[in-house]
């Protein structure tokens, strides 16, 4: 069911056996399974898997009552969940449409010791190549609400969709964000921005989950800095946000069109990537430094520094996350040795959220 090493029935029998092991006995056991001509050696901890299995079953029971408001999926590939199209599988992915569901999932996973990570649209995340034995929690997309210059939306709403609808509502001030493929929650968590626009510019308040309590906090731009936010997982989980935008001066649609065209002309949008890999170092631009060092086209496996935009690493075929990480380190080393600049990674590992 959740673990692809053994059939669920066989694994469940093992779990039941584990309940009777004395507490002073070693918990680990080794099983040898024949798979054609090769033999697979599987090492696992009895009690750990029993606890996680119990918790997963309890999660299913708990969320049956929310069957119309949540989506629960098993054995989901990170290649489906992230824009890099790399990574292994997640045992369980829950898409929650309410704060109560989020709080229930946090409480249940915490009480049973089940690993859990939040994930938005996966456009700034590098997932592990190994399978993740736990829960991935996502927030469902919602319909924005507009009231004059105020715009309210859920954290799972796609930023591009939100900007399109805000423009149709006669608002402005977000044009540079309209082509960013993440969610509202992800944009707030990293203060995403482009072309002189940042998420924090017009952010008025956020509703968030912090220390198991839901609260609304008023926001001011000084709380943020370049690609940094006080509302980042795992310390804080943004559930929804209110923006106060400007009135359209009549040029918002044209500015969005022009910036969209600029993106298409300069970025490798035809290949899987996670956007800009590195933050802008003080006094320079990461892409310019990488280009200056002659690193366009540099590859590790099928991970490649884009020949179109040096700030992007693309998946040119069947890259692994290990390929991407190796290439990131190679670029950082080369840029430091040749220019003295330290490139800080902008994309995040799943383990960091």
C-alpha atoms as a PDB file:
ATOM      1  CA  UNK A   1       0.000   0.000   0.000  1.00  0.00           C
ATOM      2  CA  UNK A   2       2.402   2.662   1.224  1.00  0.00           C
ATOM      3  CA  UNK A   3       5.668   0.771   0.887  1.00  0.00           C
ATOM      4  CA  UNK A   4       6.628  -0.690  -2.418  1.00  0.00           C
ATOM      5  CA  UNK A   5       9.197  -3.085  -0.967  1.00  0.00           C
ATOM      6  CA  UNK A   6       6.666  -5.816  -0.154  1.00  0.00           C
ATOM      7  CA  UNK A   7       3.037  -6.454  -0.848  1.00  0.00           C
ATOM      8  CA  UNK A   8       0.777  -4.766   1.662  1.00  0.00           C
ATOM      9  CA  UNK A   9      -0.601  -8.074   2.958  1.00  0.00           C
ATOM     10  CA  UNK A  10       2.831  -9.525   3.638  1.00  0.00           C
ATOM     11  CA  UNK A  11       4.107  -6.330   5.230  1.00  0.00           C
ATOM     12  CA  UNK A  12       1.037  -6.049   7.434  1.00  0.00           C
ATOM     13  CA  UNK A  13       1.622  -9.564   8.762  1.00  0.00           C
ATOM     14  CA  UNK A  14       5.162  -8.551   9.625  1.00  0.00           C
ATOM     15  CA  UNK A  15       3.821  -5.482  11.400  1.00  0.00           C
ATOM     16  CA  UNK A  16       1.492  -7.607  13.501  1.00  0.00           C
ATOM     17  CA  UNK A  17       4.359  -9.901  14.427  1.00  0.00           C
ATOM     18  CA  UNK A  18       6.383  -6.910  15.562  1.00  0.00           C
ATOM     19  CA  UNK A  19       3.803  -6.037  18.197  1.00  0.00           C
ATOM     20  CA  UNK A  20       4.865  -9.126  20.163  1.00  0.00           C
ATOM     21  CA  UNK A  21       8.572  -8.442  20.219  1.00  0.00           C
ATOM     22  CA  UNK A  22       9.882  -7.796  23.758  1.00  0.00           C
ATOM     23  CA  UNK A  23      11.077  -4.232  24.208  1.00  0.00           C
ATOM     24  CA  UNK A  24      14.616  -5.337  25.023  1.00  0.00           C
ATOM     25  CA  UNK A  25      15.078  -7.235  21.758  1.00  0.00           C
ATOM     26  CA  UNK A  26      16.809  -5.645  18.758  1.00  0.00           C
ATOM     27  CA  UNK A  27      14.198  -4.153  16.469  1.00  0.00           C
ATOM     28  CA  UNK A  28      15.999  -4.656  13.191  1.00  0.00           C
ATOM     29  CA  UNK A  29      15.623  -7.662  10.932  1.00  0.00           C
ATOM     30  CA  UNK A  30      16.946  -8.481   7.482  1.00  0.00           C
ATOM     31  CA  UNK A  31      14.797 -10.150   4.807  1.00  0.00           C
ATOM     32  CA  UNK A  32      16.056 -11.596   1.556  1.00  0.00           C
ATOM     33  CA  UNK A  33      13.615 -11.589  -1.334  1.00  0.00           C
ATOM     34  CA  UNK A  34      14.343 -13.262  -4.630  1.00  0.00           C
ATOM     35  CA  UNK A  35      13.579 -11.083  -7.644  1.00  0.00           C
ATOM     36  CA  UNK A  36      14.386 -13.008 -10.821  1.00  0.00           C
ATOM     37  CA  UNK A  37      18.095 -13.715 -11.063  1.00  0.00           C
ATOM     38  CA  UNK A  38      18.985 -11.015  -8.545  1.00  0.00           C
ATOM     39  CA  UNK A  39      18.477 -10.902  -4.798  1.00  0.00           C
ATOM     40  CA  UNK A  40      17.268  -7.792  -3.018  1.00  0.00           C
ATOM     41  CA  UNK A  41      18.396  -7.178   0.552  1.00  0.00           C
ATOM     42  CA  UNK A  42      15.887  -5.178   2.533  1.00  0.00           C
ATOM     43  CA  UNK A  43      16.781  -3.807   5.923  1.00  0.00           C
ATOM     44  CA  UNK A  44      14.048  -2.192   7.982  1.00  0.00           C
ATOM     45  CA  UNK A  45      13.003  -1.541  11.563  1.00  0.00           C
ATOM     46  CA  UNK A  46       9.954  -3.503  12.708  1.00  0.00           C
ATOM     47  CA  UNK A  47       8.476  -1.070  15.180  1.00  0.00           C
ATOM     48  CA  UNK A  48       9.124   2.048  13.129  1.00  0.00           C
ATOM     49  CA  UNK A  49       7.195   0.692  10.171  1.00  0.00           C
ATOM     50  CA  UNK A  50       4.436  -0.628  12.434  1.00  0.00           C
ATOM     51  CA  UNK A  51       3.969   2.809  13.971  1.00  0.00           C
ATOM     52  CA  UNK A  52       3.942   4.559  10.611  1.00  0.00           C
ATOM     53  CA  UNK A  53       1.510   2.002   9.169  1.00  0.00           C
ATOM     54  CA  UNK A  54      -0.852   2.492  12.093  1.00  0.00           C
ATOM     55  CA  UNK A  55      -0.655   6.250  11.652  1.00  0.00           C
ATOM     56  CA  UNK A  56      -1.339   6.021   7.925  1.00  0.00           C
ATOM     57  CA  UNK A  57      -4.383   3.846   8.556  1.00  0.00           C
ATOM     58  CA  UNK A  58      -5.568   6.332  11.159  1.00  0.00           C
ATOM     59  CA  UNK A  59      -5.073   9.174   8.701  1.00  0.00           C
ATOM     60  CA  UNK A  60      -7.319   7.369   6.239  1.00  0.00           C
ATOM     61  CA  UNK A  61      -9.978   6.809   8.900  1.00  0.00           C
ATOM     62  CA  UNK A  62      -9.766  10.405  10.077  1.00  0.00           C
ATOM     63  CA  UNK A  63     -10.145  11.904   6.619  1.00  0.00           C
ATOM     64  CA  UNK A  64     -12.961   9.672   5.461  1.00  0.00           C
ATOM     65  CA  UNK A  65     -15.272  12.166   7.149  1.00  0.00           C
ATOM     66  CA  UNK A  66     -13.760  14.906   4.952  1.00  0.00           C
ATOM     67  CA  UNK A  67     -14.121  12.891   1.756  1.00  0.00           C
ATOM     68  CA  UNK A  68     -15.663  15.816  -0.136  1.00  0.00           C
ATOM     69  CA  UNK A  69     -13.094  18.374   0.953  1.00  0.00           C
ATOM     70  CA  UNK A  70      -9.749  16.580   0.722  1.00  0.00           C
ATOM     71  CA  UNK A  71      -7.821  14.498  -1.747  1.00  0.00           C
ATOM     72  CA  UNK A  72      -5.688  11.650  -0.437  1.00  0.00           C
ATOM     73  CA  UNK A  73      -3.383   9.768  -2.799  1.00  0.00           C
ATOM     74  CA  UNK A  74      -0.884   6.963  -2.322  1.00  0.00           C
ATOM     75  CA  UNK A  75       2.527   6.286  -3.836  1.00  0.00           C
ATOM     76  CA  UNK A  76       2.812   9.521  -5.806  1.00  0.00           C
ATOM     77  CA  UNK A  77       5.914  10.310  -7.861  1.00  0.00           C
ATOM     78  CA  UNK A  78       7.813  13.502  -7.063  1.00  0.00           C
ATOM     79  CA  UNK A  79       8.295  13.798 -10.816  1.00  0.00           C
ATOM     80  CA  UNK A  80       4.590  14.621 -10.898  1.00  0.00           C
ATOM     81  CA  UNK A  81       4.768  16.946  -7.881  1.00  0.00           C
ATOM     82  CA  UNK A  82       7.811  19.052  -8.806  1.00  0.00           C
ATOM     83  CA  UNK A  83       8.753  21.061 -11.880  1.00  0.00           C
ATOM     84  CA  UNK A  84      12.272  19.561 -12.016  1.00  0.00           C
ATOM     85  CA  UNK A  85      10.627  16.192 -12.786  1.00  0.00           C
ATOM     86  CA  UNK A  86      13.079  14.331 -10.561  1.00  0.00           C
ATOM     87  CA  UNK A  87      12.819  12.318  -7.364  1.00  0.00           C
ATOM     88  CA  UNK A  88      11.364   9.133  -5.933  1.00  0.00           C
ATOM     89  CA  UNK A  89       7.889   8.497  -4.571  1.00  0.00           C
ATOM     90  CA  UNK A  90       5.924   9.892  -1.643  1.00  0.00           C
ATOM     91  CA  UNK A  91       3.957   7.313   0.309  1.00  0.00           C
ATOM     92  CA  UNK A  92       0.995   9.617   0.806  1.00  0.00           C
ATOM     93  CA  UNK A  93      -0.084  13.026  -0.514  1.00  0.00           C
ATOM     94  CA  UNK A  94      -2.927  14.923   1.118  1.00  0.00           C
ATOM     95  CA  UNK A  95      -4.523  17.978  -0.478  1.00  0.00           C
ATOM     96  CA  UNK A  96      -6.396  19.923   2.189  1.00  0.00           C
ATOM     97  CA  UNK A  97      -9.106  22.490   1.571  1.00  0.00           C
ATOM     98  CA  UNK A  98      -9.474  23.815   5.107  1.00  0.00           C
ATOM     99  CA  UNK A  99      -7.356  24.908   8.050  1.00  0.00           C
ATOM    100  CA  UNK A 100      -9.012  22.239  10.206  1.00  0.00           C
ATOM    101  CA  UNK A 101      -7.796  19.496   7.898  1.00  0.00           C
ATOM    102  CA  UNK A 102      -4.270  20.923   8.013  1.00  0.00           C
ATOM    103  CA  UNK A 103      -4.354  21.083  11.819  1.00  0.00           C
ATOM    104  CA  UNK A 104      -5.681  17.507  12.042  1.00  0.00           C
ATOM    105  CA  UNK A 105      -2.920  16.223   9.760  1.00  0.00           C
ATOM    106  CA  UNK A 106      -0.224  18.042  11.724  1.00  0.00           C
ATOM    107  CA  UNK A 107      -1.545  16.714  15.016  1.00  0.00           C
ATOM    108  CA  UNK A 108      -1.856  13.140  13.819  1.00  0.00           C
ATOM    109  CA  UNK A 109       1.552  13.006  12.169  1.00  0.00           C
ATOM    110  CA  UNK A 110       3.164  14.670  15.182  1.00  0.00           C
ATOM    111  CA  UNK A 111       1.610  12.305  17.698  1.00  0.00           C
ATOM    112  CA  UNK A 112       2.624   9.226  15.709  1.00  0.00           C
ATOM    113  CA  UNK A 113       6.047  10.428  14.590  1.00  0.00           C
ATOM    114  CA  UNK A 114       5.160  10.277  10.895  1.00  0.00           C
ATOM    115  CA  UNK A 115       7.480  12.446   8.762  1.00  0.00           C
ATOM    116  CA  UNK A 116       5.653  15.247   6.961  1.00  0.00           C
ATOM    117  CA  UNK A 117       6.517  18.056   4.564  1.00  0.00           C
ATOM    118  CA  UNK A 118       4.480  20.873   3.064  1.00  0.00           C
ATOM    119  CA  UNK A 119       4.624  21.320  -0.691  1.00  0.00           C
ATOM    120  CA  UNK A 120       3.094  23.965  -2.917  1.00  0.00           C
ATOM    121  CA  UNK A 121       3.342  23.694  -6.687  1.00  0.00           C
ATOM    122  CA  UNK A 122       6.846  22.217  -6.391  1.00  0.00           C
ATOM    123  CA  UNK A 123       8.398  24.841  -8.670  1.00  0.00           C
ATOM    124  CA  UNK A 124      11.234  25.803  -6.343  1.00  0.00           C
ATOM    125  CA  UNK A 125      11.878  22.417  -4.745  1.00  0.00           C
ATOM    126  CA  UNK A 126      14.333  19.595  -5.353  1.00  0.00           C
ATOM    127  CA  UNK A 127      12.863  16.314  -4.105  1.00  0.00           C
ATOM    128  CA  UNK A 128      15.009  13.370  -2.980  1.00  0.00           C
ATOM    129  CA  UNK A 129      15.721  10.494  -5.340  1.00  0.00           C
ATOM    130  CA  UNK A 130      14.834   8.147  -2.473  1.00  0.00           C
ATOM    131  CA  UNK A 131      11.209   7.397  -1.632  1.00  0.00           C
ATOM    132  CA  UNK A 132       9.708   9.502   1.155  1.00  0.00           C
ATOM    133  CA  UNK A 133       7.953   7.390   3.781  1.00  0.00           C
ATOM    134  CA  UNK A 134       5.526   9.862   5.239  1.00  0.00           C
ATOM    135  CA  UNK A 135       2.958  12.480   4.324  1.00  0.00           C
ATOM    136  CA  UNK A 136       3.211  15.316   1.811  1.00  0.00           C
ATOM    137  CA  UNK A 137       0.661  17.994   2.667  1.00  0.00           C
ATOM    138  CA  UNK A 138      -0.596  20.391   0.015  1.00  0.00           C
ATOM    139  CA  UNK A 139      -3.180  23.154   0.124  1.00  0.00           C
ATOM    140  CA  UNK A 140      -6.003  23.122  -2.401  1.00  0.00           C
ATOM    141  CA  UNK A 141      -6.384  25.964  -4.826  1.00  0.00           C
ATOM    142  CA  UNK A 142      -9.164  28.421  -4.109  1.00  0.00           C
ATOM    143  CA  UNK A 143     -11.068  31.145  -5.921  1.00  0.00           C
ATOM    144  CA  UNK A 144      -9.783  34.665  -5.145  1.00  0.00           C
ATOM    145  CA  UNK A 145     -12.188  37.239  -3.769  1.00  0.00           C
ATOM    146  CA  UNK A 146     -11.915  40.912  -4.771  1.00  0.00           C
ATOM    147  CA  UNK A 147     -13.325  43.848  -2.856  1.00  0.00           C
ATOM    148  CA  UNK A 148     -12.189  47.186  -4.238  1.00  0.00           C
ATOM    149  CA  UNK A 149      -8.394  47.238  -3.959  1.00  0.00           C
ATOM    150  CA  UNK A 150      -8.337  44.231  -1.618  1.00  0.00           C
ATOM    151  CA  UNK A 151      -7.731  40.723  -2.943  1.00  0.00           C
ATOM    152  CA  UNK A 152      -8.073  37.629  -0.735  1.00  0.00           C
ATOM    153  CA  UNK A 153      -6.983  34.134  -1.733  1.00  0.00           C
ATOM    154  CA  UNK A 154      -5.961  30.774  -0.337  1.00  0.00           C
ATOM    155  CA  UNK A 155      -2.297  29.819  -0.128  1.00  0.00           C
ATOM    156  CA  UNK A 156      -2.760  26.957  -2.591  1.00  0.00           C
ATOM    157  CA  UNK A 157      -3.908  29.296  -5.368  1.00  0.00           C
ATOM    158  CA  UNK A 158      -1.579  29.441  -8.353  1.00  0.00           C
ATOM    159  CA  UNK A 159       0.155  32.808  -8.506  1.00  0.00           C
ATOM    160  CA  UNK A 160      -0.268  33.072 -12.281  1.00  0.00           C
ATOM    161  CA  UNK A 161      -4.021  32.442 -12.045  1.00  0.00           C
ATOM    162  CA  UNK A 162      -4.377  34.924  -9.206  1.00  0.00           C
ATOM    163  CA  UNK A 163      -2.570  37.651 -11.168  1.00  0.00           C
ATOM    164  CA  UNK A 164      -4.695  37.048 -14.263  1.00  0.00           C
ATOM    165  CA  UNK A 165      -7.891  37.388 -12.263  1.00  0.00           C
ATOM    166  CA  UNK A 166      -6.602  40.434 -10.386  1.00  0.00           C
ATOM    167  CA  UNK A 167      -5.872  42.126 -13.705  1.00  0.00           C
ATOM    168  CA  UNK A 168      -9.389  41.360 -14.919  1.00  0.00           C
ATOM    169  CA  UNK A 169     -10.674  42.902 -11.666  1.00  0.00           C
ATOM    170  CA  UNK A 170      -8.983  46.178 -12.605  1.00  0.00           C
ATOM    171  CA  UNK A 171      -6.016  45.933 -10.240  1.00  0.00           C
ATOM    172  CA  UNK A 172      -2.282  46.465 -10.720  1.00  0.00           C
ATOM    173  CA  UNK A 173       1.035  46.165  -8.892  1.00  0.00           C
ATOM    174  CA  UNK A 174       1.765  42.484  -9.461  1.00  0.00           C
ATOM    175  CA  UNK A 175       2.687  42.397 -13.139  1.00  0.00           C
ATOM    176  CA  UNK A 176       6.175  40.946 -12.633  1.00  0.00           C
ATOM    177  CA  UNK A 177       4.762  38.070 -10.583  1.00  0.00           C
ATOM    178  CA  UNK A 178       2.297  36.957 -13.227  1.00  0.00           C
ATOM    179  CA  UNK A 179       4.678  34.504 -14.905  1.00  0.00           C
ATOM    180  CA  UNK A 180       5.986  32.841 -11.725  1.00  0.00           C
ATOM    181  CA  UNK A 181       4.615  29.272 -11.677  1.00  0.00           C
ATOM    182  CA  UNK A 182       4.339  28.788  -7.899  1.00  0.00           C
ATOM    183  CA  UNK A 183       1.494  29.171  -5.422  1.00  0.00           C
ATOM    184  CA  UNK A 184       0.552  32.170  -3.292  1.00  0.00           C
ATOM    185  CA  UNK A 185       1.800  30.366  -0.186  1.00  0.00           C
ATOM    186  CA  UNK A 186       5.124  29.515  -1.798  1.00  0.00           C
ATOM    187  CA  UNK A 187       5.546  33.060  -3.103  1.00  0.00           C
ATOM    188  CA  UNK A 188       4.977  34.493   0.374  1.00  0.00           C
ATOM    189  CA  UNK A 189       7.274  31.918   1.981  1.00  0.00           C
ATOM    190  CA  UNK A 190      10.243  33.046  -0.139  1.00  0.00           C
ATOM    191  CA  UNK A 191       9.138  36.574  -1.068  1.00  0.00           C
ATOM    192  CA  UNK A 192       9.215  35.575  -4.720  1.00  0.00           C
ATOM    193  CA  UNK A 193       9.763  38.304  -7.238  1.00  0.00           C
ATOM    194  CA  UNK A 194      10.851  39.285 -10.721  1.00  0.00           C
ATOM    195  CA  UNK A 195      11.416  42.381 -12.853  1.00  0.00           C
ATOM    196  CA  UNK A 196      11.369  44.734  -9.874  1.00  0.00           C
ATOM    197  CA  UNK A 197       8.222  43.261  -8.274  1.00  0.00           C
ATOM    198  CA  UNK A 198       8.176  41.298  -5.000  1.00  0.00           C
ATOM    199  CA  UNK A 199       5.364  39.423  -3.284  1.00  0.00           C
ATOM    200  CA  UNK A 200       5.703  41.526  -0.131  1.00  0.00           C
ATOM    201  CA  UNK A 201       5.148  44.817  -1.996  1.00  0.00           C
ATOM    202  CA  UNK A 202       1.373  44.747  -1.632  1.00  0.00           C
ATOM    203  CA  UNK A 203       0.864  42.017   0.956  1.00  0.00           C
ATOM    204  CA  UNK A 204      -1.458  43.275   3.707  1.00  0.00           C
ATOM    205  CA  UNK A 205      -2.037  40.306   6.035  1.00  0.00           C
ATOM    206  CA  UNK A 206      -1.657  36.535   6.248  1.00  0.00           C
ATOM    207  CA  UNK A 207      -3.588  33.830   8.026  1.00  0.00           C
ATOM    208  CA  UNK A 208      -1.169  31.177   9.146  1.00  0.00           C
ATOM    209  CA  UNK A 209      -0.642  28.144  11.287  1.00  0.00           C
ATOM    210  CA  UNK A 210       2.140  28.564  13.819  1.00  0.00           C
ATOM    211  CA  UNK A 211       2.770  26.490  16.946  1.00  0.00           C
ATOM    212  CA  UNK A 212      -0.462  24.567  16.285  1.00  0.00           C
ATOM    213  CA  UNK A 213      -2.522  27.767  16.447  1.00  0.00           C
ATOM    214  CA  UNK A 214      -4.213  29.631  13.595  1.00  0.00           C
ATOM    215  CA  UNK A 215      -3.718  33.385  13.627  1.00  0.00           C
ATOM    216  CA  UNK A 216      -3.976  36.395  11.354  1.00  0.00           C
ATOM    217  CA  UNK A 217      -0.969  38.693  11.206  1.00  0.00           C
ATOM    218  CA  UNK A 218      -0.686  42.152   9.694  1.00  0.00           C
ATOM    219  CA  UNK A 219       2.239  42.440   7.305  1.00  0.00           C
ATOM    220  CA  UNK A 220       4.583  45.272   6.396  1.00  0.00           C
ATOM    221  CA  UNK A 221       7.298  45.198   3.711  1.00  0.00           C
ATOM    222  CA  UNK A 222      10.144  45.728   6.217  1.00  0.00           C
ATOM    223  CA  UNK A 223       9.453  42.225   7.583  1.00  0.00           C
ATOM    224  CA  UNK A 224      10.778  40.819   4.305  1.00  0.00           C
ATOM    225  CA  UNK A 225      14.020  41.013   2.392  1.00  0.00           C
ATOM    226  CA  UNK A 226      15.348  39.629  -0.868  1.00  0.00           C
ATOM    227  CA  UNK A 227      14.032  36.038  -1.081  1.00  0.00           C
ATOM    228  CA  UNK A 228      13.498  35.933   2.679  1.00  0.00           C
ATOM    229  CA  UNK A 229      10.247  35.831   4.612  1.00  0.00           C
ATOM    230  CA  UNK A 230       9.151  35.355   8.239  1.00  0.00           C
ATOM    231  CA  UNK A 231       6.407  33.027   6.983  1.00  0.00           C
ATOM    232  CA  UNK A 232       8.307  29.959   5.814  1.00  0.00           C
ATOM    233  CA  UNK A 233       7.705  26.283   6.528  1.00  0.00           C
ATOM    234  CA  UNK A 234       8.214  24.487   8.764  1.00  0.00           C
ATOM    235  CA  UNK A 235       8.000  27.322  11.327  1.00  0.00           C
ATOM    236  CA  UNK A 236       4.915  28.928   9.799  1.00  0.00           C
ATOM    237  CA  UNK A 237       2.384  27.647   7.284  1.00  0.00           C
ATOM    238  CA  UNK A 238       0.527  30.297   5.293  1.00  0.00           C
ATOM    239  CA  UNK A 239      -3.135  29.358   4.814  1.00  0.00           C
ATOM    240  CA  UNK A 240      -4.441  32.486   3.073  1.00  0.00           C
ATOM    241  CA  UNK A 241      -3.466  36.073   2.344  1.00  0.00           C
ATOM    242  CA  UNK A 242      -4.905  39.521   1.737  1.00  0.00           C
ATOM    243  CA  UNK A 243      -3.276  41.921  -0.741  1.00  0.00           C
ATOM    244  CA  UNK A 244      -3.951  45.612  -1.221  1.00  0.00           C
ATOM    245  CA  UNK A 245      -3.182  46.449  -4.807  1.00  0.00           C
ATOM    246  CA  UNK A 246      -3.304  49.584  -6.922  1.00  0.00           C
ATOM    247  CA  UNK A 247      -5.980  50.545  -9.396  1.00  0.00           C
ATOM    248  CA  UNK A 248      -5.180  49.721 -13.007  1.00  0.00           C
ATOM    249  CA  UNK A 249      -3.912  52.780 -14.837  1.00  0.00           C
ATOM    250  CA  UNK A 250      -4.977  51.220 -18.100  1.00  0.00           C
ATOM    251  CA  UNK A 251      -1.642  49.581 -18.843  1.00  0.00           C
ATOM    252  CA  UNK A 252      -1.597  46.467 -16.659  1.00  0.00           C
ATOM    253  CA  UNK A 253      -2.552  44.008 -19.418  1.00  0.00           C
ATOM    254  CA  UNK A 254       0.104  45.379 -21.752  1.00  0.00           C
ATOM    255  CA  UNK A 255       2.788  45.192 -19.034  1.00  0.00           C
ATOM    256  CA  UNK A 256       1.861  41.569 -18.307  1.00  0.00           C
ATOM    257  CA  UNK A 257       2.004  40.748 -22.030  1.00  0.00           C
ATOM    258  CA  UNK A 258       5.402  42.430 -22.446  1.00  0.00           C
ATOM    259  CA  UNK A 259       6.928  40.674 -19.429  1.00  0.00           C
ATOM    260  CA  UNK A 260       5.512  37.345 -20.559  1.00  0.00           C
ATOM    261  CA  UNK A 261       7.143  37.813 -23.953  1.00  0.00           C
ATOM    262  CA  UNK A 262      10.424  38.736 -22.259  1.00  0.00           C
ATOM    263  CA  UNK A 263      10.301  35.501 -20.261  1.00  0.00           C
ATOM    264  CA  UNK A 264       9.644  33.376 -23.310  1.00  0.00           C
ATOM    265  CA  UNK A 265      12.536  34.998 -25.157  1.00  0.00           C
ATOM    266  CA  UNK A 266      15.095  34.640 -22.369  1.00  0.00           C
ATOM    267  CA  UNK A 267      14.181  31.560 -20.325  1.00  0.00           C
ATOM    268  CA  UNK A 268      14.211  27.819 -21.182  1.00  0.00           C
ATOM    269  CA  UNK A 269      10.488  27.325 -20.587  1.00  0.00           C
ATOM    270  CA  UNK A 270      10.414  24.240 -22.829  1.00  0.00           C
ATOM    271  CA  UNK A 271      12.447  22.113 -20.386  1.00  0.00           C
ATOM    272  CA  UNK A 272      11.797  21.043 -16.787  1.00  0.00           C
ATOM    273  CA  UNK A 273      13.493  23.348 -14.273  1.00  0.00           C
ATOM    274  CA  UNK A 274      12.902  25.164 -11.003  1.00  0.00           C
ATOM    275  CA  UNK A 275      13.562  28.656 -12.302  1.00  0.00           C
ATOM    276  CA  UNK A 276      16.516  30.622 -10.993  1.00  0.00           C
ATOM    277  CA  UNK A 277      18.766  28.273  -9.066  1.00  0.00           C
ATOM    278  CA  UNK A 278      20.824  30.892  -7.225  1.00  0.00           C
ATOM    279  CA  UNK A 279      20.055  34.074  -5.351  1.00  0.00           C
ATOM    280  CA  UNK A 280      21.457  37.327  -6.657  1.00  0.00           C
ATOM    281  CA  UNK A 281      24.766  38.009  -4.875  1.00  0.00           C
ATOM    282  CA  UNK A 282      25.332  41.533  -3.662  1.00  0.00           C
ATOM    283  CA  UNK A 283      26.838  43.653  -6.421  1.00  0.00           C
ATOM    284  CA  UNK A 284      26.367  41.100  -9.198  1.00  0.00           C
ATOM    285  CA  UNK A 285      23.966  38.789 -11.002  1.00  0.00           C
ATOM    286  CA  UNK A 286      24.247  35.019 -10.694  1.00  0.00           C
ATOM    287  CA  UNK A 287      23.463  34.322 -14.344  1.00  0.00           C
ATOM    288  CA  UNK A 288      26.059  36.833 -15.542  1.00  0.00           C
ATOM    289  CA  UNK A 289      28.740  35.318 -13.291  1.00  0.00           C
ATOM    290  CA  UNK A 290      27.941  31.791 -14.492  1.00  0.00           C
ATOM    291  CA  UNK A 291      28.036  32.925 -18.120  1.00  0.00           C
ATOM    292  CA  UNK A 292      31.276  34.815 -17.493  1.00  0.00           C
ATOM    293  CA  UNK A 293      32.843  31.591 -16.236  1.00  0.00           C
ATOM    294  CA  UNK A 294      31.877  29.789 -19.440  1.00  0.00           C
ATOM    295  CA  UNK A 295      29.548  27.359 -17.684  1.00  0.00           C
ATOM    296  CA  UNK A 296      26.573  27.409 -20.054  1.00  0.00           C
ATOM    297  CA  UNK A 297      25.945  23.863 -21.202  1.00  0.00           C
ATOM    298  CA  UNK A 298      27.890  22.293 -18.316  1.00  0.00           C
ATOM    299  CA  UNK A 299      26.265  18.970 -17.415  1.00  0.00           C
ATOM    300  CA  UNK A 300      26.136  16.351 -14.690  1.00  0.00           C
ATOM    301  CA  UNK A 301      24.193  13.405 -16.031  1.00  0.00           C
ATOM    302  CA  UNK A 302      21.125  14.905 -17.700  1.00  0.00           C
ATOM    303  CA  UNK A 303      21.166  18.013 -15.499  1.00  0.00           C
ATOM    304  CA  UNK A 304      22.478  20.922 -17.539  1.00  0.00           C
ATOM    305  CA  UNK A 305      23.190  24.619 -17.091  1.00  0.00           C
ATOM    306  CA  UNK A 306      20.805  26.124 -19.622  1.00  0.00           C
ATOM    307  CA  UNK A 307      22.390  27.399 -22.809  1.00  0.00           C
ATOM    308  CA  UNK A 308      19.603  29.976 -23.010  1.00  0.00           C
ATOM    309  CA  UNK A 309      19.761  31.394 -19.476  1.00  0.00           C
ATOM    310  CA  UNK A 310      22.788  30.603 -17.295  1.00  0.00           C
ATOM    311  CA  UNK A 311      20.800  31.081 -14.092  1.00  0.00           C
ATOM    312  CA  UNK A 312      18.673  28.016 -14.876  1.00  0.00           C
ATOM    313  CA  UNK A 313      19.520  24.346 -14.509  1.00  0.00           C
ATOM    314  CA  UNK A 314      17.319  22.178 -16.708  1.00  0.00           C
ATOM    315  CA  UNK A 315      16.449  18.510 -16.840  1.00  0.00           C
ATOM    316  CA  UNK A 316      17.564  17.659 -20.347  1.00  0.00           C
ATOM    317  CA  UNK A 317      16.291  14.092 -20.240  1.00  0.00           C
ATOM    318  CA  UNK A 318      16.293  11.765 -17.273  1.00  0.00           C
ATOM    319  CA  UNK A 319      18.225  13.755 -14.674  1.00  0.00           C
ATOM    320  CA  UNK A 320      18.201  12.705 -11.052  1.00  0.00           C
ATOM    321  CA  UNK A 321      18.133  15.036  -8.100  1.00  0.00           C
ATOM    322  CA  UNK A 322      21.670  13.885  -7.341  1.00  0.00           C
ATOM    323  CA  UNK A 323      22.663  15.085 -10.829  1.00  0.00           C
ATOM    324  CA  UNK A 324      21.153  18.500 -10.113  1.00  0.00           C
ATOM    325  CA  UNK A 325      22.872  18.816  -6.738  1.00  0.00           C
ATOM    326  CA  UNK A 326      26.223  17.793  -8.215  1.00  0.00           C
ATOM    327  CA  UNK A 327      25.852  20.411 -10.926  1.00  0.00           C
ATOM    328  CA  UNK A 328      24.880  23.089  -8.401  1.00  0.00           C
ATOM    329  CA  UNK A 329      28.032  22.398  -6.403  1.00  0.00           C
ATOM    330  CA  UNK A 330      30.171  22.363  -9.540  1.00  0.00           C
ATOM    331  CA  UNK A 331      28.820  25.772 -10.570  1.00  0.00           C
ATOM    332  CA  UNK A 332      29.292  27.209  -7.083  1.00  0.00           C
ATOM    333  CA  UNK A 333      32.881  25.969  -6.947  1.00  0.00           C
ATOM    334  CA  UNK A 334      33.763  27.273 -10.408  1.00  0.00           C
ATOM    335  CA  UNK A 335      32.226  30.708  -9.829  1.00  0.00           C
ATOM    336  CA  UNK A 336      33.959  31.103  -6.475  1.00  0.00           C
ATOM    337  CA  UNK A 337      37.342  30.059  -7.832  1.00  0.00           C
ATOM    338  CA  UNK A 338      37.129  32.383 -10.844  1.00  0.00           C
ATOM    339  CA  UNK A 339      35.321  35.412  -9.402  1.00  0.00           C
ATOM    340  CA  UNK A 340      35.380  35.171  -5.612  1.00  0.00           C
ATOM    341  CA  UNK A 341      31.576  35.348  -5.439  1.00  0.00           C
ATOM    342  CA  UNK A 342      29.688  32.825  -3.310  1.00  0.00           C
ATOM    343  CA  UNK A 343      26.463  31.728  -4.961  1.00  0.00           C
ATOM    344  CA  UNK A 344      23.714  30.898  -2.491  1.00  0.00           C
ATOM    345  CA  UNK A 345      21.154  28.352  -3.578  1.00  0.00           C
ATOM    346  CA  UNK A 346      17.641  29.772  -4.106  1.00  0.00           C
ATOM    347  CA  UNK A 347      15.879  26.486  -4.748  1.00  0.00           C
ATOM    348  CA  UNK A 348      15.195  24.448  -1.632  1.00  0.00           C
ATOM    349  CA  UNK A 349      15.514  20.780  -0.803  1.00  0.00           C
ATOM    350  CA  UNK A 350      12.364  19.036   0.364  1.00  0.00           C
ATOM    351  CA  UNK A 351      14.120  18.279   3.651  1.00  0.00           C
ATOM    352  CA  UNK A 352      14.464  22.019   4.268  1.00  0.00           C
ATOM    353  CA  UNK A 353      10.710  22.616   4.352  1.00  0.00           C
END
